[in-house]
Amino acid sequence: MRINIYTDGAASGNPGPGGYGIVMQAGAHQKEFSGGFRRTTNNRMELLAIILALRKLRQTGHEIHIYSDSRYVVDAITQGWVFKWHQKQFKGKKNPDLWRQFLPLYQQHKPHLHWVKGHNDHPQNERCDHLAVQARLQPGLPADKGYETA
């Protein structure tokens, strides 16, 4: 089975209130998820969206395609940079807490990553952006502990 995952992240002020949006599609089924934090960055939300989407998968062995408008995330993975960062224990790199969460999920699911141009009328990307923006506007957002305590 092929599963398509679309993700986006948004932060106001960068750092500032941030949110993520996820659309997951498998056959005729579709689910949406979103959430936000009171102080975070756009890059953290982009990466967190992918992590949370991969965590939602109950089984391995499916063909997973992830679509993101984040060059930061897509290039780090497809160009192999994150694996070199891992070898150097993420010294001097941002978001090591999230990259450490991502790597086992990547190994488990072996997703294919695709970059899509943001704000370019891609329906699922636009929906993810809407979810992310709405999530960051919610009152009483929790702390992004990985960011605020780093």
N, C-alpha and C. Protein backbone atom coordinates (compact mmCIF):
# COMPACT_ATOMS: atom_id res chain seq x y z
N MET A 1 0.83 -1.17 0.00
CA MET A 1 0.00 0.00 0.00
C MET A 1 0.88 1.24 0.00
N ARG A 2 0.49 2.22 -0.78
CA ARG A 2 1.20 3.50 -0.81
C ARG A 2 0.49 4.46 0.14
N ILE A 3 1.30 5.13 0.96
CA ILE A 3 0.79 6.15 1.86
C ILE A 3 1.48 7.46 1.50
N ASN A 4 0.68 8.48 1.24
CA ASN A 4 1.20 9.81 0.97
C ASN A 4 1.02 10.67 2.21
N ILE A 5 2.09 11.32 2.59
CA ILE A 5 2.07 12.20 3.76
C ILE A 5 2.48 13.59 3.29
N TYR A 6 1.64 14.56 3.59
CA TYR A 6 1.92 15.95 3.26
C TYR A 6 2.09 16.70 4.58
N THR A 7 3.11 17.53 4.67
CA THR A 7 3.38 18.22 5.93
C THR A 7 3.73 19.68 5.67
N ASP A 8 3.49 20.49 6.69
CA ASP A 8 3.94 21.88 6.64
C ASP A 8 4.08 22.39 8.07
N GLY A 9 4.92 23.38 8.21
CA GLY A 9 5.11 24.03 9.49
C GLY A 9 5.07 25.53 9.30
N ALA A 10 4.68 26.24 10.35
CA ALA A 10 4.61 27.69 10.28
C ALA A 10 4.96 28.26 11.64
N ALA A 11 5.70 29.37 11.63
CA ALA A 11 6.01 30.09 12.86
C ALA A 11 5.91 31.57 12.58
N SER A 12 5.35 32.28 13.52
CA SER A 12 5.20 33.73 13.40
C SER A 12 6.31 34.39 14.20
N GLY A 13 7.16 35.13 13.53
CA GLY A 13 8.27 35.78 14.22
C GLY A 13 9.55 34.99 14.15
N ASN A 14 9.46 33.70 14.10
CA ASN A 14 10.58 32.78 13.90
C ASN A 14 11.84 33.14 14.69
N PRO A 15 11.91 33.01 16.00
CA PRO A 15 10.96 32.21 16.79
C PRO A 15 9.73 32.99 17.20
N GLY A 16 8.70 32.23 17.42
CA GLY A 16 7.42 32.77 17.85
C GLY A 16 6.43 31.64 17.93
N PRO A 17 5.14 31.95 18.00
CA PRO A 17 4.14 30.89 18.00
C PRO A 17 4.23 30.09 16.71
N GLY A 18 4.18 28.78 16.83
CA GLY A 18 4.34 27.94 15.65
C GLY A 18 3.36 26.80 15.63
N GLY A 19 3.14 26.26 14.43
CA GLY A 19 2.24 25.13 14.28
C GLY A 19 2.68 24.22 13.16
N TYR A 20 2.10 23.05 13.15
CA TYR A 20 2.35 22.09 12.08
C TYR A 20 1.01 21.56 11.58
N GLY A 21 1.01 21.14 10.33
CA GLY A 21 -0.16 20.52 9.72
C GLY A 21 0.26 19.27 8.97
N ILE A 22 -0.58 18.25 9.05
CA ILE A 22 -0.29 16.96 8.41
C ILE A 22 -1.56 16.47 7.71
N VAL A 23 -1.41 16.02 6.48
CA VAL A 23 -2.47 15.32 5.76
C VAL A 23 -1.89 13.97 5.35
N MET A 24 -2.57 12.90 5.76
CA MET A 24 -2.12 11.55 5.42
C MET A 24 -3.19 10.89 4.55
N GLN A 25 -2.75 10.29 3.43
CA GLN A 25 -3.66 9.64 2.51
C GLN A 25 -3.20 8.22 2.22
N ALA A 26 -4.14 7.29 2.33
CA ALA A 26 -3.90 5.89 1.97
C ALA A 26 -5.16 5.42 1.24
N GLY A 27 -5.02 5.22 -0.05
CA GLY A 27 -6.19 4.85 -0.85
C GLY A 27 -7.24 5.95 -0.76
N ALA A 28 -8.47 5.58 -0.43
CA ALA A 28 -9.56 6.54 -0.34
C ALA A 28 -9.64 7.20 1.03
N HIS A 29 -8.76 6.81 1.95
CA HIS A 29 -8.80 7.33 3.31
C HIS A 29 -7.86 8.52 3.48
N GLN A 30 -8.32 9.50 4.24
CA GLN A 30 -7.50 10.68 4.53
C GLN A 30 -7.72 11.10 5.97
N LYS A 31 -6.61 11.48 6.64
CA LYS A 31 -6.69 12.00 8.01
C LYS A 31 -5.85 13.26 8.08
N GLU A 32 -6.26 14.17 8.94
CA GLU A 32 -5.54 15.42 9.15
C GLU A 32 -5.20 15.57 10.62
N PHE A 33 -4.03 16.18 10.88
CA PHE A 33 -3.56 16.41 12.24
C PHE A 33 -2.88 17.78 12.29
N SER A 34 -2.93 18.40 13.44
CA SER A 34 -2.23 19.67 13.60
C SER A 34 -1.99 19.92 15.08
N GLY A 35 -1.10 20.83 15.36
CA GLY A 35 -0.81 21.22 16.73
C GLY A 35 0.12 22.43 16.71
N GLY A 36 0.32 23.01 17.88
CA GLY A 36 1.16 24.19 17.92
C GLY A 36 1.87 24.37 19.24
N PHE A 37 2.79 25.33 19.26
CA PHE A 37 3.60 25.65 20.42
C PHE A 37 3.72 27.16 20.56
N ARG A 38 3.92 27.61 21.77
CA ARG A 38 3.93 29.06 22.02
C ARG A 38 5.18 29.75 21.51
N ARG A 39 6.31 29.04 21.46
CA ARG A 39 7.57 29.63 20.98
C ARG A 39 8.41 28.54 20.34
N THR A 40 8.63 28.69 19.05
CA THR A 40 9.36 27.67 18.30
C THR A 40 9.84 28.30 17.00
N THR A 41 10.33 27.48 16.07
CA THR A 41 10.75 27.98 14.77
C THR A 41 10.05 27.22 13.65
N ASN A 42 10.04 27.80 12.49
CA ASN A 42 9.46 27.18 11.32
C ASN A 42 10.14 25.83 11.02
N ASN A 43 11.46 25.80 11.05
CA ASN A 43 12.17 24.56 10.75
C ASN A 43 11.82 23.45 11.73
N ARG A 44 11.67 23.79 13.00
CA ARG A 44 11.28 22.78 13.98
C ARG A 44 9.90 22.22 13.66
N MET A 45 8.99 23.08 13.28
CA MET A 45 7.63 22.62 12.97
C MET A 45 7.60 21.77 11.71
N GLU A 46 8.42 22.13 10.72
CA GLU A 46 8.51 21.33 9.50
C GLU A 46 8.99 19.91 9.81
N LEU A 47 10.03 19.80 10.60
CA LEU A 47 10.59 18.50 10.95
C LEU A 47 9.67 17.74 11.89
N LEU A 48 9.10 18.42 12.87
CA LEU A 48 8.20 17.76 13.82
C LEU A 48 6.99 17.17 13.10
N ALA A 49 6.47 17.85 12.11
CA ALA A 49 5.32 17.33 11.36
C ALA A 49 5.64 15.97 10.75
N ILE A 50 6.82 15.83 10.19
CA ILE A 50 7.22 14.55 9.59
C ILE A 50 7.37 13.48 10.67
N ILE A 51 8.00 13.83 11.77
CA ILE A 51 8.17 12.88 12.87
C ILE A 51 6.81 12.37 13.35
N LEU A 52 5.90 13.29 13.62
CA LEU A 52 4.59 12.90 14.14
C LEU A 52 3.81 12.07 13.13
N ALA A 53 3.93 12.39 11.85
CA ALA A 53 3.24 11.60 10.83
C ALA A 53 3.79 10.18 10.80
N LEU A 54 5.11 10.03 10.84
CA LEU A 54 5.70 8.69 10.82
C LEU A 54 5.33 7.90 12.07
N ARG A 55 5.20 8.57 13.20
CA ARG A 55 4.78 7.89 14.42
C ARG A 55 3.35 7.34 14.33
N LYS A 56 2.53 7.96 13.51
CA LYS A 56 1.13 7.54 13.38
C LYS A 56 0.99 6.26 12.57
N LEU A 57 2.02 5.89 11.83
CA LEU A 57 1.95 4.67 11.03
C LEU A 57 2.01 3.46 11.95
N ARG A 58 1.05 2.57 11.80
CA ARG A 58 0.95 1.41 12.70
C ARG A 58 1.78 0.22 12.23
N GLN A 59 2.09 0.21 10.95
CA GLN A 59 2.81 -0.93 10.39
C GLN A 59 3.97 -0.43 9.53
N THR A 60 4.92 -1.32 9.35
CA THR A 60 6.03 -1.04 8.43
C THR A 60 5.76 -1.79 7.12
N GLY A 61 6.60 -1.54 6.15
CA GLY A 61 6.50 -2.27 4.89
C GLY A 61 5.67 -1.58 3.83
N HIS A 62 5.07 -0.45 4.16
CA HIS A 62 4.30 0.29 3.17
C HIS A 62 5.24 1.22 2.39
N GLU A 63 4.82 1.57 1.22
CA GLU A 63 5.55 2.55 0.42
C GLU A 63 5.11 3.93 0.90
N ILE A 64 6.04 4.65 1.53
CA ILE A 64 5.73 5.94 2.14
C ILE A 64 6.35 7.06 1.32
N HIS A 65 5.53 8.03 0.96
CA HIS A 65 6.01 9.22 0.25
C HIS A 65 5.64 10.44 1.08
N ILE A 66 6.64 11.23 1.41
CA ILE A 66 6.44 12.44 2.20
C ILE A 66 6.69 13.64 1.31
N TYR A 67 5.74 14.58 1.32
CA TYR A 67 5.82 15.79 0.53
C TYR A 67 5.90 16.98 1.48
N SER A 68 6.95 17.77 1.33
CA SER A 68 7.17 18.91 2.20
C SER A 68 7.70 20.08 1.38
N ASP A 69 7.37 21.29 1.82
CA ASP A 69 7.91 22.48 1.16
C ASP A 69 9.15 23.00 1.89
N SER A 70 9.69 22.20 2.78
CA SER A 70 10.87 22.59 3.55
C SER A 70 12.16 22.07 2.91
N ARG A 71 12.92 22.96 2.32
CA ARG A 71 14.23 22.58 1.80
C ARG A 71 15.13 22.11 2.94
N TYR A 72 15.02 22.75 4.09
CA TYR A 72 15.81 22.39 5.27
C TYR A 72 15.68 20.90 5.56
N VAL A 73 14.47 20.40 5.61
CA VAL A 73 14.25 19.00 5.95
C VAL A 73 14.53 18.09 4.76
N VAL A 74 13.93 18.38 3.62
CA VAL A 74 14.07 17.49 2.47
C VAL A 74 15.52 17.37 2.03
N ASP A 75 16.22 18.49 1.91
CA ASP A 75 17.62 18.43 1.47
C ASP A 75 18.50 17.74 2.51
N ALA A 76 18.26 17.98 3.79
CA ALA A 76 19.07 17.33 4.82
C ALA A 76 18.99 15.81 4.70
N ILE A 77 17.84 15.32 4.29
CA ILE A 77 17.65 13.86 4.18
C ILE A 77 18.11 13.36 2.82
N THR A 78 17.60 13.96 1.75
CA THR A 78 17.91 13.43 0.42
C THR A 78 19.37 13.64 0.02
N GLN A 79 20.00 14.68 0.55
CA GLN A 79 21.42 14.92 0.27
C GLN A 79 22.33 14.16 1.24
N GLY A 80 21.74 13.53 2.26
CA GLY A 80 22.51 12.73 3.21
C GLY A 80 23.19 13.52 4.31
N TRP A 81 22.90 14.80 4.42
CA TRP A 81 23.57 15.63 5.43
C TRP A 81 23.27 15.15 6.84
N VAL A 82 22.01 14.78 7.09
CA VAL A 82 21.62 14.41 8.46
C VAL A 82 22.40 13.19 8.95
N PHE A 83 22.78 12.31 8.06
CA PHE A 83 23.52 11.12 8.46
C PHE A 83 24.96 11.49 8.85
N LYS A 84 25.52 12.48 8.19
CA LYS A 84 26.84 12.99 8.56
C LYS A 84 26.76 13.76 9.87
N TRP A 85 25.69 14.53 10.04
CA TRP A 85 25.50 15.26 11.30
C TRP A 85 25.40 14.28 12.46
N HIS A 86 24.70 13.17 12.22
CA HIS A 86 24.54 12.15 13.26
C HIS A 86 25.90 11.56 13.64
N GLN A 87 26.73 11.28 12.66
CA GLN A 87 28.06 10.74 12.94
C GLN A 87 28.89 11.69 13.79
N LYS A 88 28.65 12.98 13.62
CA LYS A 88 29.38 13.99 14.40
C LYS A 88 28.57 14.45 15.61
N GLN A 89 27.56 13.65 15.97
CA GLN A 89 26.70 13.90 17.14
C GLN A 89 26.02 15.27 17.07
N PHE A 90 25.71 15.71 15.88
CA PHE A 90 24.98 16.97 15.63
C PHE A 90 25.70 18.19 16.18
N LYS A 91 27.01 18.08 16.34
CA LYS A 91 27.78 19.20 16.87
C LYS A 91 27.60 20.44 15.99
N GLY A 92 27.13 21.52 16.62
CA GLY A 92 26.94 22.78 15.91
C GLY A 92 25.70 22.84 15.04
N LYS A 93 24.86 21.83 15.07
CA LYS A 93 23.65 21.80 14.24
C LYS A 93 22.42 22.13 15.08
N LYS A 94 21.43 22.71 14.43
CA LYS A 94 20.19 23.05 15.11
C LYS A 94 19.24 21.86 15.13
N ASN A 95 18.40 21.83 16.14
CA ASN A 95 17.34 20.84 16.29
C ASN A 95 17.82 19.40 16.45
N PRO A 96 18.91 19.18 17.18
CA PRO A 96 19.39 17.80 17.32
C PRO A 96 18.38 16.90 18.01
N ASP A 97 17.58 17.46 18.92
CA ASP A 97 16.57 16.64 19.61
C ASP A 97 15.58 16.05 18.61
N LEU A 98 15.17 16.84 17.64
CA LEU A 98 14.21 16.34 16.65
C LEU A 98 14.87 15.40 15.64
N TRP A 99 16.07 15.72 15.21
CA TRP A 99 16.76 14.83 14.27
C TRP A 99 17.00 13.46 14.90
N ARG A 100 17.29 13.44 16.20
CA ARG A 100 17.48 12.16 16.89
C ARG A 100 16.18 11.36 16.95
N GLN A 101 15.06 12.04 17.03
CA GLN A 101 13.77 11.35 17.00
C GLN A 101 13.44 10.87 15.58
N PHE A 102 13.84 11.65 14.61
CA PHE A 102 13.54 11.32 13.22
C PHE A 102 14.28 10.08 12.72
N LEU A 103 15.56 9.98 13.03
CA LEU A 103 16.39 8.94 12.41
C LEU A 103 15.88 7.51 12.62
N PRO A 104 15.48 7.09 13.81
CA PRO A 104 14.94 5.73 13.93
C PRO A 104 13.66 5.52 13.13
N LEU A 105 12.83 6.55 13.03
CA LEU A 105 11.60 6.44 12.24
C LEU A 105 11.93 6.33 10.76
N TYR A 106 12.94 7.06 10.33
CA TYR A 106 13.40 6.98 8.94
C TYR A 106 13.89 5.56 8.65
N GLN A 107 14.68 5.01 9.53
CA GLN A 107 15.20 3.65 9.34
C GLN A 107 14.07 2.62 9.32
N GLN A 108 13.08 2.84 10.16
CA GLN A 108 11.96 1.91 10.27
C GLN A 108 11.06 1.93 9.02
N HIS A 109 10.77 3.10 8.52
CA HIS A 109 9.79 3.23 7.42
C HIS A 109 10.40 3.49 6.05
N LYS A 110 11.64 3.94 6.00
CA LYS A 110 12.34 4.21 4.74
C LYS A 110 11.48 5.02 3.75
N PRO A 111 11.03 6.20 4.19
CA PRO A 111 10.17 7.01 3.32
C PRO A 111 10.94 7.66 2.18
N HIS A 112 10.21 7.94 1.12
CA HIS A 112 10.73 8.72 0.00
C HIS A 112 10.31 10.16 0.25
N LEU A 113 11.26 11.09 0.20
CA LEU A 113 10.93 12.49 0.44
C LEU A 113 10.91 13.28 -0.86
N HIS A 114 9.94 14.17 -0.95
CA HIS A 114 9.77 14.99 -2.13
C HIS A 114 9.58 16.44 -1.70
N TRP A 115 10.27 17.34 -2.38
CA TRP A 115 10.07 18.76 -2.12
C TRP A 115 8.98 19.28 -3.05
N VAL A 116 8.06 20.06 -2.49
CA VAL A 116 7.05 20.75 -3.29
C VAL A 116 7.17 22.23 -3.00
N LYS A 117 6.95 23.03 -4.00
CA LYS A 117 7.03 24.47 -3.81
C LYS A 117 5.84 24.93 -2.99
N GLY A 118 6.11 25.64 -1.90
CA GLY A 118 5.06 26.13 -1.03
C GLY A 118 4.28 27.27 -1.65
N HIS A 119 3.05 27.41 -1.23
CA HIS A 119 2.17 28.50 -1.67
C HIS A 119 2.09 28.56 -3.19
N ASN A 120 1.94 27.37 -3.78
CA ASN A 120 1.92 27.26 -5.23
C ASN A 120 0.69 26.47 -5.70
N ASP A 121 -0.40 26.59 -4.95
CA ASP A 121 -1.67 25.95 -5.29
C ASP A 121 -1.62 24.42 -5.30
N HIS A 122 -0.71 23.83 -4.54
CA HIS A 122 -0.71 22.39 -4.36
C HIS A 122 -1.76 22.11 -3.28
N PRO A 123 -2.86 21.44 -3.60
CA PRO A 123 -3.98 21.35 -2.66
C PRO A 123 -3.62 20.82 -1.27
N GLN A 124 -2.87 19.73 -1.20
CA GLN A 124 -2.54 19.16 0.10
C GLN A 124 -1.56 20.05 0.86
N ASN A 125 -0.61 20.65 0.15
CA ASN A 125 0.33 21.56 0.82
C ASN A 125 -0.40 22.79 1.34
N GLU A 126 -1.32 23.30 0.57
CA GLU A 126 -2.11 24.45 1.02
C GLU A 126 -2.94 24.08 2.24
N ARG A 127 -3.50 22.88 2.26
CA ARG A 127 -4.28 22.43 3.41
C ARG A 127 -3.39 22.31 4.64
N CYS A 128 -2.21 21.75 4.48
CA CYS A 128 -1.28 21.63 5.61
C CYS A 128 -0.89 23.00 6.13
N ASP A 129 -0.64 23.93 5.24
CA ASP A 129 -0.30 25.30 5.65
C ASP A 129 -1.45 25.91 6.45
N HIS A 130 -2.66 25.73 5.99
CA HIS A 130 -3.82 26.25 6.71
C HIS A 130 -3.91 25.64 8.11
N LEU A 131 -3.74 24.33 8.20
CA LEU A 131 -3.77 23.65 9.50
C LEU A 131 -2.69 24.18 10.43
N ALA A 132 -1.48 24.38 9.89
CA ALA A 132 -0.36 24.86 10.70
C ALA A 132 -0.60 26.28 11.20
N VAL A 133 -1.09 27.14 10.33
CA VAL A 133 -1.35 28.53 10.72
C VAL A 133 -2.45 28.58 11.78
N GLN A 134 -3.51 27.82 11.56
CA GLN A 134 -4.60 27.81 12.54
C GLN A 134 -4.13 27.26 13.89
N ALA A 135 -3.26 26.27 13.86
CA ALA A 135 -2.76 25.68 15.10
C ALA A 135 -1.94 26.68 15.90
N ARG A 136 -1.13 27.49 15.22
CA ARG A 136 -0.29 28.44 15.94
C ARG A 136 -1.07 29.62 16.49
N LEU A 137 -2.30 29.80 16.02
CA LEU A 137 -3.14 30.89 16.48
C LEU A 137 -4.00 30.52 17.70
N GLN A 138 -3.96 29.25 18.09
CA GLN A 138 -4.78 28.80 19.21
C GLN A 138 -4.28 29.39 20.53
N PRO A 139 -5.19 29.71 21.44
CA PRO A 139 -4.76 30.23 22.76
C PRO A 139 -4.18 29.11 23.62
N GLY A 140 -3.33 29.50 24.55
CA GLY A 140 -2.81 28.56 25.53
C GLY A 140 -1.92 27.48 24.97
N LEU A 141 -1.12 27.80 23.98
CA LEU A 141 -0.24 26.80 23.38
C LEU A 141 0.80 26.31 24.38
N PRO A 142 1.17 25.03 24.32
CA PRO A 142 2.18 24.51 25.23
C PRO A 142 3.59 24.95 24.79
N ALA A 143 4.55 24.71 25.67
CA ALA A 143 5.94 25.00 25.37
C ALA A 143 6.52 23.94 24.45
N ASP A 144 7.37 24.35 23.53
CA ASP A 144 8.19 23.43 22.74
C ASP A 144 9.44 23.23 23.60
N LYS A 145 9.38 22.23 24.45
CA LYS A 145 10.45 22.02 25.44
C LYS A 145 11.81 21.83 24.80
N GLY A 146 11.85 21.21 23.64
CA GLY A 146 13.12 21.02 22.94
C GLY A 146 13.73 22.32 22.50
N TYR A 147 12.90 23.32 22.26
CA TYR A 147 13.40 24.63 21.84
C TYR A 147 13.62 25.55 23.02
N GLU A 148 12.65 25.62 23.90
CA GLU A 148 12.72 26.59 25.00
C GLU A 148 13.76 26.25 26.05
N THR A 149 14.12 24.98 26.16
CA THR A 149 15.13 24.60 27.15
C THR A 149 16.51 24.40 26.55
N ALA A 150 16.59 24.51 25.22
CA ALA A 150 17.91 24.30 24.56
C ALA A 150 18.83 25.47 24.78
